[in-house]
N, C-alpha and C. Protein backbone atom coordinates (compact mmCIF):
# COMPACT_ATOMS: atom_id res chain seq x y z
N MET A 1 0.82 -1.20 0.00
CA MET A 1 0.00 0.00 0.00
C MET A 1 0.86 1.25 0.00
N ASN A 2 2.01 1.18 0.66
CA ASN A 2 2.90 2.32 0.73
C ASN A 2 3.43 2.70 -0.65
N ILE A 3 3.70 1.72 -1.49
CA ILE A 3 4.19 2.00 -2.83
C ILE A 3 3.10 2.66 -3.67
N THR A 4 1.85 2.28 -3.44
CA THR A 4 0.73 2.91 -4.15
C THR A 4 0.62 4.38 -3.79
N LEU A 5 0.77 4.68 -2.52
CA LEU A 5 0.73 6.08 -2.08
C LEU A 5 1.88 6.88 -2.68
N LYS A 6 3.04 6.27 -2.78
CA LYS A 6 4.18 6.96 -3.38
C LYS A 6 3.95 7.22 -4.86
N ILE A 7 3.35 6.27 -5.55
CA ILE A 7 3.06 6.46 -6.98
C ILE A 7 2.04 7.58 -7.17
N ILE A 8 1.01 7.60 -6.33
CA ILE A 8 0.02 8.68 -6.40
C ILE A 8 0.68 10.02 -6.12
N TYR A 9 1.58 10.05 -5.15
CA TYR A 9 2.31 11.28 -4.82
C TYR A 9 3.14 11.76 -6.02
N ILE A 10 3.80 10.85 -6.69
CA ILE A 10 4.61 11.21 -7.87
C ILE A 10 3.73 11.73 -8.99
N ILE A 11 2.58 11.10 -9.20
CA ILE A 11 1.66 11.56 -10.24
C ILE A 11 1.15 12.96 -9.93
N LEU A 12 0.82 13.21 -8.67
CA LEU A 12 0.38 14.56 -8.28
C LEU A 12 1.49 15.58 -8.48
N THR A 13 2.72 15.20 -8.19
CA THR A 13 3.85 16.11 -8.39
C THR A 13 4.04 16.42 -9.87
N LEU A 14 3.93 15.42 -10.72
CA LEU A 14 4.04 15.66 -12.16
C LEU A 14 2.92 16.55 -12.67
N TYR A 15 1.72 16.34 -12.16
CA TYR A 15 0.58 17.17 -12.57
C TYR A 15 0.76 18.61 -12.08
N GLU A 16 1.30 18.76 -10.88
CA GLU A 16 1.60 20.09 -10.35
C GLU A 16 2.58 20.82 -11.26
N LYS A 17 3.65 20.14 -11.64
CA LYS A 17 4.65 20.75 -12.53
C LYS A 17 4.04 21.10 -13.88
N THR A 18 3.15 20.24 -14.38
CA THR A 18 2.49 20.50 -15.66
C THR A 18 1.61 21.75 -15.57
N LEU A 19 0.90 21.91 -14.45
CA LEU A 19 0.09 23.12 -14.26
C LEU A 19 0.96 24.37 -14.23
N LEU A 20 2.08 24.30 -13.54
CA LEU A 20 2.98 25.46 -13.48
C LEU A 20 3.57 25.78 -14.85
N ILE A 21 3.94 24.75 -15.59
CA ILE A 21 4.47 24.96 -16.94
C ILE A 21 3.38 25.56 -17.84
N ARG A 22 2.16 25.09 -17.70
CA ARG A 22 1.06 25.65 -18.50
C ARG A 22 0.86 27.12 -18.18
N PHE A 23 0.91 27.48 -16.91
CA PHE A 23 0.72 28.87 -16.51
C PHE A 23 1.79 29.75 -17.14
N ILE A 24 3.04 29.35 -17.03
CA ILE A 24 4.14 30.14 -17.60
C ILE A 24 4.05 30.15 -19.12
N PHE A 25 3.79 29.01 -19.71
CA PHE A 25 3.70 28.91 -21.17
C PHE A 25 2.56 29.77 -21.71
N SER A 26 1.40 29.74 -21.05
CA SER A 26 0.26 30.54 -21.50
C SER A 26 0.56 32.03 -21.41
N PHE A 27 1.23 32.42 -20.34
CA PHE A 27 1.60 33.83 -20.17
C PHE A 27 2.53 34.27 -21.29
N LEU A 28 3.54 33.47 -21.58
CA LEU A 28 4.49 33.81 -22.65
C LEU A 28 3.83 33.73 -24.02
N TYR A 29 2.93 32.80 -24.20
CA TYR A 29 2.23 32.65 -25.48
C TYR A 29 1.30 33.84 -25.74
N ASP A 30 0.57 34.26 -24.70
CA ASP A 30 -0.37 35.37 -24.85
C ASP A 30 0.33 36.70 -25.14
N TYR A 31 1.54 36.86 -24.64
CA TYR A 31 2.28 38.10 -24.87
C TYR A 31 3.27 37.98 -26.03
N ASN A 32 3.05 36.98 -26.88
CA ASN A 32 3.81 36.79 -28.12
C ASN A 32 5.32 36.67 -27.91
N VAL A 33 5.72 36.10 -26.80
CA VAL A 33 7.14 35.80 -26.61
C VAL A 33 7.53 34.64 -27.50
N PHE A 34 6.60 33.69 -27.64
CA PHE A 34 6.80 32.57 -28.56
C PHE A 34 6.20 32.93 -29.91
N ASN A 35 6.76 32.35 -30.96
CA ASN A 35 6.19 32.50 -32.29
C ASN A 35 4.93 31.64 -32.37
N THR A 36 3.77 32.28 -32.43
CA THR A 36 2.51 31.54 -32.36
C THR A 36 2.21 30.75 -33.64
N SER A 37 2.93 31.03 -34.70
CA SER A 37 2.72 30.26 -35.93
C SER A 37 3.62 29.02 -36.01
N ASN A 38 4.49 28.86 -35.03
CA ASN A 38 5.38 27.70 -34.98
C ASN A 38 4.58 26.46 -34.59
N SER A 39 4.71 25.41 -35.37
CA SER A 39 3.91 24.20 -35.12
C SER A 39 4.34 23.49 -33.83
N LEU A 40 5.62 23.54 -33.47
CA LEU A 40 6.07 22.91 -32.23
C LEU A 40 5.48 23.63 -31.01
N VAL A 41 5.45 24.95 -31.06
CA VAL A 41 4.87 25.73 -29.97
C VAL A 41 3.39 25.40 -29.82
N ASN A 42 2.68 25.32 -30.93
CA ASN A 42 1.26 24.98 -30.87
C ASN A 42 1.03 23.55 -30.40
N LEU A 43 1.92 22.65 -30.76
CA LEU A 43 1.81 21.26 -30.31
C LEU A 43 2.00 21.16 -28.79
N ILE A 44 2.99 21.88 -28.28
CA ILE A 44 3.22 21.90 -26.83
C ILE A 44 2.03 22.51 -26.11
N ARG A 45 1.51 23.59 -26.66
CA ARG A 45 0.35 24.26 -26.06
C ARG A 45 -0.86 23.33 -26.02
N GLN A 46 -1.13 22.64 -27.12
CA GLN A 46 -2.25 21.71 -27.17
C GLN A 46 -2.07 20.57 -26.17
N PHE A 47 -0.85 20.06 -26.06
CA PHE A 47 -0.57 18.99 -25.10
C PHE A 47 -0.83 19.45 -23.67
N LEU A 48 -0.32 20.63 -23.32
CA LEU A 48 -0.51 21.14 -21.96
C LEU A 48 -1.98 21.37 -21.66
N PHE A 49 -2.71 21.89 -22.63
CA PHE A 49 -4.13 22.14 -22.41
C PHE A 49 -4.92 20.84 -22.29
N LYS A 50 -4.59 19.84 -23.09
CA LYS A 50 -5.30 18.56 -23.01
C LYS A 50 -5.06 17.86 -21.68
N ILE A 51 -3.88 18.03 -21.13
CA ILE A 51 -3.55 17.38 -19.86
C ILE A 51 -4.20 18.11 -18.68
N THR A 52 -4.21 19.44 -18.71
CA THR A 52 -4.65 20.20 -17.54
C THR A 52 -6.11 20.65 -17.60
N ASP A 53 -6.71 20.71 -18.78
CA ASP A 53 -8.07 21.23 -18.89
C ASP A 53 -9.14 20.42 -18.16
N PRO A 54 -9.07 19.10 -18.09
CA PRO A 54 -10.15 18.39 -17.37
C PRO A 54 -10.32 18.85 -15.92
N LEU A 55 -9.24 18.98 -15.19
CA LEU A 55 -9.33 19.43 -13.80
C LEU A 55 -9.74 20.90 -13.74
N LEU A 56 -9.14 21.74 -14.58
CA LEU A 56 -9.46 23.16 -14.55
C LEU A 56 -10.91 23.43 -14.95
N ASN A 57 -11.42 22.70 -15.92
CA ASN A 57 -12.82 22.87 -16.32
C ASN A 57 -13.77 22.44 -15.22
N LEU A 58 -13.41 21.40 -14.49
CA LEU A 58 -14.22 20.96 -13.36
C LEU A 58 -14.28 22.05 -12.28
N ILE A 59 -13.16 22.69 -12.03
CA ILE A 59 -13.12 23.77 -11.04
C ILE A 59 -13.86 24.99 -11.56
N ARG A 60 -13.71 25.30 -12.85
CA ARG A 60 -14.38 26.48 -13.44
C ARG A 60 -15.90 26.36 -13.40
N GLN A 61 -16.42 25.16 -13.39
CA GLN A 61 -17.87 24.98 -13.30
C GLN A 61 -18.40 25.44 -11.95
N ASN A 62 -17.56 25.38 -10.93
CA ASN A 62 -17.99 25.71 -9.57
C ASN A 62 -17.49 27.06 -9.08
N ILE A 63 -16.44 27.59 -9.69
CA ILE A 63 -15.87 28.87 -9.29
C ILE A 63 -16.02 29.85 -10.44
N PRO A 64 -16.66 31.00 -10.20
CA PRO A 64 -16.82 31.96 -11.31
C PRO A 64 -15.50 32.65 -11.67
N ILE A 65 -15.40 33.04 -12.93
CA ILE A 65 -14.24 33.80 -13.41
C ILE A 65 -14.48 35.27 -13.08
N ILE A 66 -13.49 35.93 -12.54
CA ILE A 66 -13.61 37.33 -12.13
C ILE A 66 -13.30 38.22 -13.33
N LYS A 67 -14.23 39.12 -13.66
CA LYS A 67 -14.03 40.06 -14.76
C LYS A 67 -13.87 41.46 -14.19
N GLN A 68 -12.85 42.16 -14.66
CA GLN A 68 -12.57 43.52 -14.21
C GLN A 68 -13.18 44.53 -15.18
N ASN A 69 -13.21 45.79 -14.78
CA ASN A 69 -13.80 46.84 -15.60
C ASN A 69 -13.04 47.08 -16.89
N PHE A 70 -11.75 46.88 -16.90
CA PHE A 70 -10.92 47.20 -18.06
C PHE A 70 -10.73 46.00 -18.99
N GLY A 71 -11.55 44.99 -18.86
CA GLY A 71 -11.48 43.84 -19.75
C GLY A 71 -10.56 42.74 -19.28
N TYR A 72 -9.96 42.90 -18.10
CA TYR A 72 -9.09 41.85 -17.58
C TYR A 72 -9.94 40.73 -17.01
N ILE A 73 -9.49 39.53 -17.23
CA ILE A 73 -10.18 38.36 -16.69
C ILE A 73 -9.21 37.62 -15.78
N ILE A 74 -9.67 37.35 -14.57
CA ILE A 74 -8.85 36.63 -13.61
C ILE A 74 -9.45 35.24 -13.42
N ASP A 75 -8.69 34.24 -13.79
CA ASP A 75 -9.12 32.86 -13.66
C ASP A 75 -8.39 32.25 -12.47
N LEU A 76 -9.15 31.97 -11.43
CA LEU A 76 -8.56 31.44 -10.20
C LEU A 76 -8.48 29.92 -10.17
N SER A 77 -8.94 29.26 -11.23
CA SER A 77 -8.96 27.80 -11.22
C SER A 77 -7.56 27.18 -11.14
N PRO A 78 -6.52 27.72 -11.81
CA PRO A 78 -5.19 27.11 -11.61
C PRO A 78 -4.68 27.23 -10.17
N LEU A 79 -4.97 28.36 -9.55
CA LEU A 79 -4.55 28.55 -8.16
C LEU A 79 -5.26 27.56 -7.24
N LEU A 80 -6.56 27.41 -7.44
CA LEU A 80 -7.32 26.47 -6.62
C LEU A 80 -6.88 25.03 -6.88
N ALA A 81 -6.57 24.70 -8.14
CA ALA A 81 -6.08 23.36 -8.46
C ALA A 81 -4.75 23.08 -7.76
N LEU A 82 -3.87 24.07 -7.74
CA LEU A 82 -2.58 23.89 -7.05
C LEU A 82 -2.78 23.73 -5.55
N ILE A 83 -3.71 24.48 -4.98
CA ILE A 83 -3.99 24.34 -3.54
C ILE A 83 -4.51 22.94 -3.24
N ILE A 84 -5.39 22.43 -4.09
CA ILE A 84 -5.91 21.07 -3.90
C ILE A 84 -4.79 20.04 -4.01
N ILE A 85 -3.94 20.20 -5.02
CA ILE A 85 -2.84 19.26 -5.21
C ILE A 85 -1.87 19.31 -4.04
N TYR A 86 -1.53 20.52 -3.58
CA TYR A 86 -0.61 20.65 -2.44
C TYR A 86 -1.21 20.02 -1.19
N THR A 87 -2.51 20.18 -0.99
CA THR A 87 -3.17 19.57 0.17
C THR A 87 -3.12 18.05 0.08
N LEU A 88 -3.43 17.51 -1.09
CA LEU A 88 -3.36 16.06 -1.27
C LEU A 88 -1.94 15.53 -1.08
N GLN A 89 -0.96 16.28 -1.59
CA GLN A 89 0.44 15.86 -1.41
C GLN A 89 0.82 15.87 0.07
N TYR A 90 0.37 16.88 0.79
CA TYR A 90 0.67 16.95 2.22
C TYR A 90 0.07 15.75 2.96
N LEU A 91 -1.19 15.44 2.65
CA LEU A 91 -1.84 14.31 3.30
C LEU A 91 -1.17 12.99 2.94
N LEU A 92 -0.84 12.83 1.66
CA LEU A 92 -0.16 11.60 1.24
C LEU A 92 1.22 11.48 1.87
N ASN A 93 1.92 12.58 1.95
CA ASN A 93 3.25 12.56 2.56
C ASN A 93 3.17 12.14 4.02
N ASN A 94 2.17 12.64 4.73
CA ASN A 94 1.99 12.24 6.13
C ASN A 94 1.59 10.77 6.23
N MET A 95 0.76 10.31 5.31
CA MET A 95 0.36 8.91 5.33
C MET A 95 1.54 8.00 5.03
N ILE A 96 2.39 8.41 4.11
CA ILE A 96 3.58 7.61 3.79
C ILE A 96 4.55 7.60 4.96
N TYR A 97 4.76 8.78 5.56
CA TYR A 97 5.72 8.88 6.66
C TYR A 97 5.25 8.10 7.88
N TRP A 98 4.00 8.26 8.24
CA TRP A 98 3.49 7.60 9.43
C TRP A 98 2.97 6.20 9.15
N ASP A 99 3.00 5.80 7.88
CA ASP A 99 2.56 4.47 7.47
C ASP A 99 1.11 4.21 7.90
N VAL A 100 0.27 5.22 7.62
CA VAL A 100 -1.14 5.14 7.95
C VAL A 100 -1.91 4.80 6.69
N PHE A 101 -2.82 3.89 6.79
CA PHE A 101 -3.63 3.49 5.65
C PHE A 101 -5.09 3.79 5.93
N ILE A 102 -5.73 4.33 4.93
CA ILE A 102 -7.16 4.63 5.06
C ILE A 102 -7.94 3.58 4.32
């Protein structure tokens, strides 16, 4: 059971890193730091969105997107997803350390 918890912890860590990469990549993509007509850039973008969108869309259904007066949109779903992942990692880490099984 301990190895299963470690595998879940590793998967959560990889997903966390993917969310962070998506955040940075989207920021750079939106401000045209990357060449948006490059097929490799678009392929990476599509991959990141396909991996992270299921969780983010689930959160977006329950959390409204904040719209500002000047047209800015604040999407808090990545932040909430990271908080959920960090909480699960903390719980799993304690379960692995203390060898507690639920």
